[in-house]
Amino acid sequence: MTQNSQVIYPIILHPEDTGGYSVEIPDLADSWTQGDNPIEALDMARDLIGTLLVDETTFPVATPFEDLTVTAPAIKSLVEVDMRVFRQNHTHIVRKNVSIPEYLNVLGKKQGLNFSEVLTEALHDKLNA
Protein backbone atom coordinates (compact mmCIF):
# COMPACT_ATOMS: atom_id res chain seq x y z
CA MET A 1 0.00 0.00 0.00
CA THR A 2 1.24 3.49 -0.70
CA GLN A 3 0.49 7.08 0.31
CA ASN A 4 -1.76 6.04 3.19
CA SER A 5 -1.12 5.93 6.89
CA GLN A 6 -2.69 2.46 7.15
CA VAL A 7 -0.67 -0.50 5.92
CA ILE A 8 -1.85 -4.11 5.93
CA TYR A 9 0.53 -6.97 5.24
CA PRO A 10 0.03 -10.72 5.24
CA ILE A 11 2.19 -12.67 7.64
CA ILE A 12 2.90 -16.34 8.20
CA LEU A 13 2.99 -17.79 11.71
CA HIS A 14 5.22 -20.86 11.97
CA PRO A 15 4.63 -22.89 15.16
CA GLU A 16 7.93 -23.89 16.76
CA ASP A 17 8.54 -27.39 18.16
CA THR A 18 9.74 -25.85 21.41
CA GLY A 19 6.68 -23.59 21.70
CA GLY A 20 5.93 -20.14 20.41
CA TYR A 21 5.84 -18.90 16.86
CA SER A 22 8.27 -17.59 14.28
CA VAL A 23 6.68 -14.88 12.15
CA GLU A 24 7.55 -14.29 8.51
CA ILE A 25 6.59 -11.09 6.70
CA PRO A 26 7.00 -12.09 3.03
CA ASP A 27 6.60 -8.61 1.53
CA LEU A 28 9.45 -7.14 3.58
CA ALA A 29 12.76 -8.79 2.67
CA ASP A 30 14.34 -10.99 5.34
CA SER A 31 11.76 -9.91 7.92
CA TRP A 32 11.25 -12.36 10.74
CA THR A 33 10.24 -11.98 14.36
CA GLN A 34 8.78 -14.26 17.02
CA GLY A 35 6.31 -14.48 19.87
CA ASP A 36 5.46 -16.86 22.69
CA ASN A 37 1.83 -17.10 21.56
CA PRO A 38 -0.23 -15.97 18.55
CA ILE A 39 -1.21 -12.62 20.09
CA GLU A 40 2.37 -11.74 21.01
CA ALA A 41 3.53 -12.90 17.57
CA LEU A 42 1.03 -10.53 15.89
CA ASP A 43 2.13 -7.66 18.14
CA MET A 44 5.78 -8.34 17.33
CA ALA A 45 4.97 -8.42 13.60
CA ARG A 46 3.14 -5.08 13.91
CA ASP A 47 6.14 -3.56 15.69
CA LEU A 48 8.61 -4.91 13.12
CA ILE A 49 6.55 -3.62 10.18
CA GLY A 50 6.29 -0.20 11.80
CA THR A 51 10.00 -0.10 12.58
CA LEU A 52 10.99 -1.06 9.03
CA LEU A 53 8.65 1.48 7.43
CA VAL A 54 8.81 4.38 9.89
CA ASP A 55 11.15 6.47 7.73
CA GLU A 56 9.54 5.57 4.40
CA THR A 57 7.14 7.76 2.44
CA THR A 58 5.88 4.97 0.19
CA PHE A 59 5.37 1.40 1.25
CA PRO A 60 5.93 -1.92 -0.54
CA VAL A 61 2.81 -3.33 -2.17
CA ALA A 62 1.28 -6.11 -0.11
CA THR A 63 0.71 -9.54 -1.60
CA PRO A 64 -3.04 -10.21 -1.81
CA PHE A 65 -4.00 -12.42 1.13
CA GLU A 66 -5.64 -15.01 -1.13
CA ASP A 67 -2.41 -15.32 -3.18
CA LEU A 68 -0.33 -16.28 -0.14
CA THR A 69 -0.02 -20.05 0.22
CA VAL A 70 1.13 -21.79 3.36
CA THR A 71 1.64 -25.39 4.38
CA ALA A 72 0.15 -26.71 7.62
CA PRO A 73 0.80 -26.21 10.45
CA ALA A 74 1.74 -22.67 9.38
CA ILE A 75 -1.01 -20.06 9.68
CA LYS A 76 -1.49 -17.00 7.50
CA SER A 77 -2.90 -13.80 8.92
CA LEU A 78 -3.05 -10.07 8.27
CA VAL A 79 -1.39 -7.34 10.31
CA GLU A 80 -2.50 -3.72 10.16
CA VAL A 81 -0.26 -0.84 11.22
CA ASP A 82 -1.37 2.78 11.37
CA MET A 83 1.92 4.42 10.43
CA ARG A 84 0.78 7.85 11.59
CA VAL A 85 0.15 6.51 15.10
CA PHE A 86 3.32 4.41 14.99
CA ARG A 87 5.40 7.45 14.05
CA GLN A 88 3.84 9.53 16.82
CA ASN A 89 4.67 6.84 19.37
CA HIS A 90 8.16 6.00 18.06
CA THR A 91 9.68 9.34 17.18
CA HIS A 92 13.31 10.22 17.64
CA ILE A 93 13.56 13.99 17.95
CA VAL A 94 16.24 15.75 15.88
CA ARG A 95 17.45 19.30 16.28
CA LYS A 96 17.03 21.56 13.23
CA ASN A 97 18.37 25.09 12.84
CA VAL A 98 15.95 27.20 10.77
CA SER A 99 15.90 30.80 9.58
CA ILE A 100 12.72 32.86 9.76
CA PRO A 101 11.94 36.53 9.16
CA GLU A 102 12.73 38.66 12.21
CA TYR A 103 9.21 40.06 12.48
CA LEU A 104 7.79 36.50 12.77
CA ASN A 105 10.31 35.76 15.49
CA VAL A 106 9.26 38.89 17.42
CA LEU A 107 5.54 38.16 17.01
CA GLY A 108 6.00 34.51 17.95
CA LYS A 109 7.93 35.36 21.11
CA LYS A 110 5.27 37.91 22.13
CA GLN A 111 2.62 35.21 21.75
CA GLY A 112 4.74 32.70 23.68
CA LEU A 113 4.85 30.27 20.77
CA ASN A 114 6.87 27.09 20.95
CA PHE A 115 8.61 27.31 17.57
CA SER A 116 9.48 23.60 17.51
CA GLU A 117 5.85 22.70 18.10
CA VAL A 118 4.65 25.11 15.39
CA LEU A 119 7.16 23.75 12.87
CA THR A 120 6.26 20.15 13.74
CA GLU A 121 2.53 20.84 13.28
CA ALA A 122 3.17 22.64 9.98
CA LEU A 123 5.27 19.73 8.70
CA HIS A 124 2.58 17.23 9.70
CA ASP A 125 0.00 19.25 7.78
CA LYS A 126 2.23 19.83 4.74
CA LEU A 127 3.33 16.19 4.52
CA ASN A 128 0.01 14.62 5.54
CA ALA A 129 2.04 12.66 8.06
C-alpha atoms as a PDB file:
ATOM      1  CA  MET A   1       0.000   0.000   0.000  1.00  0.00           C
ATOM      2  CA  THR A   2       1.242   3.494  -0.699  1.00  0.00           C
ATOM      3  CA  GLN A   3       0.493   7.082   0.313  1.00  0.00           C
ATOM      4  CA  ASN A   4      -1.761   6.043   3.186  1.00  0.00           C
ATOM      5  CA  SER A   5      -1.122   5.934   6.888  1.00  0.00           C
ATOM      6  CA  GLN A   6      -2.693   2.462   7.150  1.00  0.00           C
ATOM      7  CA  VAL A   7      -0.675  -0.502   5.921  1.00  0.00           C
ATOM      8  CA  ILE A   8      -1.855  -4.107   5.929  1.00  0.00           C
ATOM      9  CA  TYR A   9       0.530  -6.971   5.242  1.00  0.00           C
ATOM     10  CA  PRO A  10       0.029 -10.720   5.244  1.00  0.00           C
ATOM     11  CA  ILE A  11       2.192 -12.667   7.641  1.00  0.00           C
ATOM     12  CA  ILE A  12       2.899 -16.343   8.196  1.00  0.00           C
ATOM     13  CA  LEU A  13       2.993 -17.789  11.712  1.00  0.00           C
ATOM     14  CA  HIS A  14       5.220 -20.859  11.967  1.00  0.00           C
ATOM     15  CA  PRO A  15       4.627 -22.893  15.159  1.00  0.00           C
ATOM     16  CA  GLU A  16       7.930 -23.891  16.765  1.00  0.00           C
ATOM     17  CA  ASP A  17       8.540 -27.388  18.161  1.00  0.00           C
ATOM     18  CA  THR A  18       9.744 -25.848  21.411  1.00  0.00           C
ATOM     19  CA  GLY A  19       6.684 -23.585  21.698  1.00  0.00           C
ATOM     20  CA  GLY A  20       5.934 -20.136  20.415  1.00  0.00           C
ATOM     21  CA  TYR A  21       5.839 -18.897  16.861  1.00  0.00           C
ATOM     22  CA  SER A  22       8.265 -17.585  14.282  1.00  0.00           C
ATOM     23  CA  VAL A  23       6.677 -14.877  12.151  1.00  0.00           C
ATOM     24  CA  GLU A  24       7.552 -14.294   8.506  1.00  0.00           C
ATOM     25  CA  ILE A  25       6.595 -11.087   6.696  1.00  0.00           C
ATOM     26  CA  PRO A  26       7.000 -12.094   3.033  1.00  0.00           C
ATOM     27  CA  ASP A  27       6.599  -8.607   1.529  1.00  0.00           C
ATOM     28  CA  LEU A  28       9.445  -7.136   3.581  1.00  0.00           C
ATOM     29  CA  ALA A  29      12.760  -8.791   2.669  1.00  0.00           C
ATOM     30  CA  ASP A  30      14.338 -10.993   5.339  1.00  0.00           C
ATOM     31  CA  SER A  31      11.761  -9.908   7.916  1.00  0.00           C
ATOM     32  CA  TRP A  32      11.250 -12.356  10.738  1.00  0.00           C
ATOM     33  CA  THR A  33      10.238 -11.985  14.355  1.00  0.00           C
ATOM     34  CA  GLN A  34       8.779 -14.256  17.019  1.00  0.00           C
ATOM     35  CA  GLY A  35       6.310 -14.484  19.867  1.00  0.00           C
ATOM     36  CA  ASP A  36       5.458 -16.864  22.692  1.00  0.00           C
ATOM     37  CA  ASN A  37       1.826 -17.095  21.558  1.00  0.00           C
ATOM     38  CA  PRO A  38      -0.230 -15.969  18.553  1.00  0.00           C
ATOM     39  CA  ILE A  39      -1.209 -12.618  20.094  1.00  0.00           C
ATOM     40  CA  GLU A  40       2.370 -11.744  21.014  1.00  0.00           C
ATOM     41  CA  ALA A  41       3.530 -12.897  17.569  1.00  0.00           C
ATOM     42  CA  LEU A  42       1.028 -10.534  15.891  1.00  0.00           C
ATOM     43  CA  ASP A  43       2.133  -7.660  18.143  1.00  0.00           C
ATOM     44  CA  MET A  44       5.777  -8.337  17.331  1.00  0.00           C
ATOM     45  CA  ALA A  45       4.973  -8.424  13.599  1.00  0.00           C
ATOM     46  CA  ARG A  46       3.145  -5.082  13.907  1.00  0.00           C
ATOM     47  CA  ASP A  47       6.136  -3.562  15.692  1.00  0.00           C
ATOM     48  CA  LEU A  48       8.609  -4.911  13.119  1.00  0.00           C
ATOM     49  CA  ILE A  49       6.549  -3.624  10.179  1.00  0.00           C
ATOM     50  CA  GLY A  50       6.294  -0.197  11.797  1.00  0.00           C
ATOM     51  CA  THR A  51      10.005  -0.101  12.581  1.00  0.00           C
ATOM     52  CA  LEU A  52      10.993  -1.062   9.033  1.00  0.00           C
ATOM     53  CA  LEU A  53       8.650   1.478   7.426  1.00  0.00           C
ATOM     54  CA  VAL A  54       8.810   4.382   9.895  1.00  0.00           C
ATOM     55  CA  ASP A  55      11.155   6.466   7.726  1.00  0.00           C
ATOM     56  CA  GLU A  56       9.535   5.569   4.401  1.00  0.00           C
ATOM     57  CA  THR A  57       7.136   7.764   2.436  1.00  0.00           C
ATOM     58  CA  THR A  58       5.880   4.969   0.188  1.00  0.00           C
ATOM     59  CA  PHE A  59       5.369   1.396   1.250  1.00  0.00           C
ATOM     60  CA  PRO A  60       5.930  -1.923  -0.535  1.00  0.00           C
ATOM     61  CA  VAL A  61       2.809  -3.328  -2.170  1.00  0.00           C
ATOM     62  CA  ALA A  62       1.279  -6.114  -0.109  1.00  0.00           C
ATOM     63  CA  THR A  63       0.707  -9.541  -1.596  1.00  0.00           C
ATOM     64  CA  PRO A  64      -3.037 -10.212  -1.812  1.00  0.00           C
ATOM     65  CA  PHE A  65      -4.004 -12.422   1.128  1.00  0.00           C
ATOM     66  CA  GLU A  66      -5.636 -15.011  -1.130  1.00  0.00           C
ATOM     67  CA  ASP A  67      -2.411 -15.317  -3.176  1.00  0.00           C
ATOM     68  CA  LEU A  68      -0.332 -16.283  -0.136  1.00  0.00           C
ATOM     69  CA  THR A  69      -0.024 -20.052   0.217  1.00  0.00           C
ATOM     70  CA  VAL A  70       1.131 -21.794   3.363  1.00  0.00           C
ATOM     71  CA  THR A  71       1.644 -25.389   4.378  1.00  0.00           C
ATOM     72  CA  ALA A  72       0.145 -26.714   7.622  1.00  0.00           C
ATOM     73  CA  PRO A  73       0.800 -26.214  10.453  1.00  0.00           C
ATOM     74  CA  ALA A  74       1.737 -22.667   9.375  1.00  0.00           C
ATOM     75  CA  ILE A  75      -1.011 -20.057   9.679  1.00  0.00           C
ATOM     76  CA  LYS A  76      -1.488 -17.003   7.505  1.00  0.00           C
ATOM     77  CA  SER A  77      -2.904 -13.798   8.917  1.00  0.00           C
ATOM     78  CA  LEU A  78      -3.051 -10.068   8.265  1.00  0.00           C
ATOM     79  CA  VAL A  79      -1.394  -7.338  10.313  1.00  0.00           C
ATOM     80  CA  GLU A  80      -2.501  -3.719  10.159  1.00  0.00           C
ATOM     81  CA  VAL A  81      -0.265  -0.841  11.223  1.00  0.00           C
ATOM     82  CA  ASP A  82      -1.370   2.783  11.367  1.00  0.00           C
ATOM     83  CA  MET A  83       1.923   4.419  10.430  1.00  0.00           C
ATOM     84  CA  ARG A  84       0.783   7.847  11.592  1.00  0.00           C
ATOM     85  CA  VAL A  85       0.145   6.509  15.099  1.00  0.00           C
ATOM     86  CA  PHE A  86       3.324   4.410  14.993  1.00  0.00           C
ATOM     87  CA  ARG A  87       5.403   7.451  14.051  1.00  0.00           C
ATOM     88  CA  GLN A  88       3.836   9.531  16.818  1.00  0.00           C
ATOM     89  CA  ASN A  89       4.675   6.842  19.368  1.00  0.00           C
ATOM     90  CA  HIS A  90       8.163   6.002  18.060  1.00  0.00           C
ATOM     91  CA  THR A  91       9.679   9.343  17.184  1.00  0.00           C
ATOM     92  CA  HIS A  92      13.312  10.219  17.637  1.00  0.00           C
ATOM     93  CA  ILE A  93      13.560  13.991  17.953  1.00  0.00           C
ATOM     94  CA  VAL A  94      16.240  15.748  15.884  1.00  0.00           C
ATOM     95  CA  ARG A  95      17.446  19.298  16.282  1.00  0.00           C
ATOM     96  CA  LYS A  96      17.031  21.563  13.228  1.00  0.00           C
ATOM     97  CA  ASN A  97      18.366  25.089  12.836  1.00  0.00           C
ATOM     98  CA  VAL A  98      15.952  27.201  10.766  1.00  0.00           C
ATOM     99  CA  SER A  99      15.905  30.798   9.578  1.00  0.00           C
ATOM    100  CA  ILE A 100      12.721  32.864   9.756  1.00  0.00           C
ATOM    101  CA  PRO A 101      11.937  36.528   9.158  1.00  0.00           C
ATOM    102  CA  GLU A 102      12.728  38.657  12.207  1.00  0.00           C
ATOM    103  CA  TYR A 103       9.210  40.059  12.483  1.00  0.00           C
ATOM    104  CA  LEU A 104       7.790  36.504  12.774  1.00  0.00           C
ATOM    105  CA  ASN A 105      10.314  35.757  15.492  1.00  0.00           C
ATOM    106  CA  VAL A 106       9.261  38.886  17.422  1.00  0.00           C
ATOM    107  CA  LEU A 107       5.541  38.161  17.014  1.00  0.00           C
ATOM    108  CA  GLY A 108       6.003  34.509  17.950  1.00  0.00           C
ATOM    109  CA  LYS A 109       7.926  35.362  21.111  1.00  0.00           C
ATOM    110  CA  LYS A 110       5.268  37.914  22.135  1.00  0.00           C
ATOM    111  CA  GLN A 111       2.620  35.211  21.749  1.00  0.00           C
ATOM    112  CA  GLY A 112       4.740  32.699  23.677  1.00  0.00           C
ATOM    113  CA  LEU A 113       4.847  30.271  20.768  1.00  0.00           C
ATOM    114  CA  ASN A 114       6.868  27.087  20.952  1.00  0.00           C
ATOM    115  CA  PHE A 115       8.612  27.310  17.569  1.00  0.00           C
ATOM    116  CA  SER A 116       9.484  23.605  17.508  1.00  0.00           C
ATOM    117  CA  GLU A 117       5.847  22.704  18.096  1.00  0.00           C
ATOM    118  CA  VAL A 118       4.646  25.109  15.386  1.00  0.00           C
ATOM    119  CA  LEU A 119       7.163  23.746  12.873  1.00  0.00           C
ATOM    120  CA  THR A 120       6.256  20.148  13.740  1.00  0.00           C
ATOM    121  CA  GLU A 121       2.531  20.842  13.282  1.00  0.00           C
ATOM    122  CA  ALA A 122       3.166  22.642   9.984  1.00  0.00           C
ATOM    123  CA  LEU A 123       5.272  19.731   8.696  1.00  0.00           C
ATOM    124  CA  HIS A 124       2.580  17.227   9.704  1.00  0.00           C
ATOM    125  CA  ASP A 125       0.004  19.250   7.778  1.00  0.00           C
ATOM    126  CA  LYS A 126       2.232  19.833   4.743  1.00  0.00           C
ATOM    127  CA  LEU A 127       3.334  16.190   4.517  1.00  0.00           C
ATOM    128  CA  ASN A 128       0.015  14.616   5.537  1.00  0.00           C
ATOM    129  CA  ALA A 129       2.037  12.660   8.057  1.00  0.00           C
END
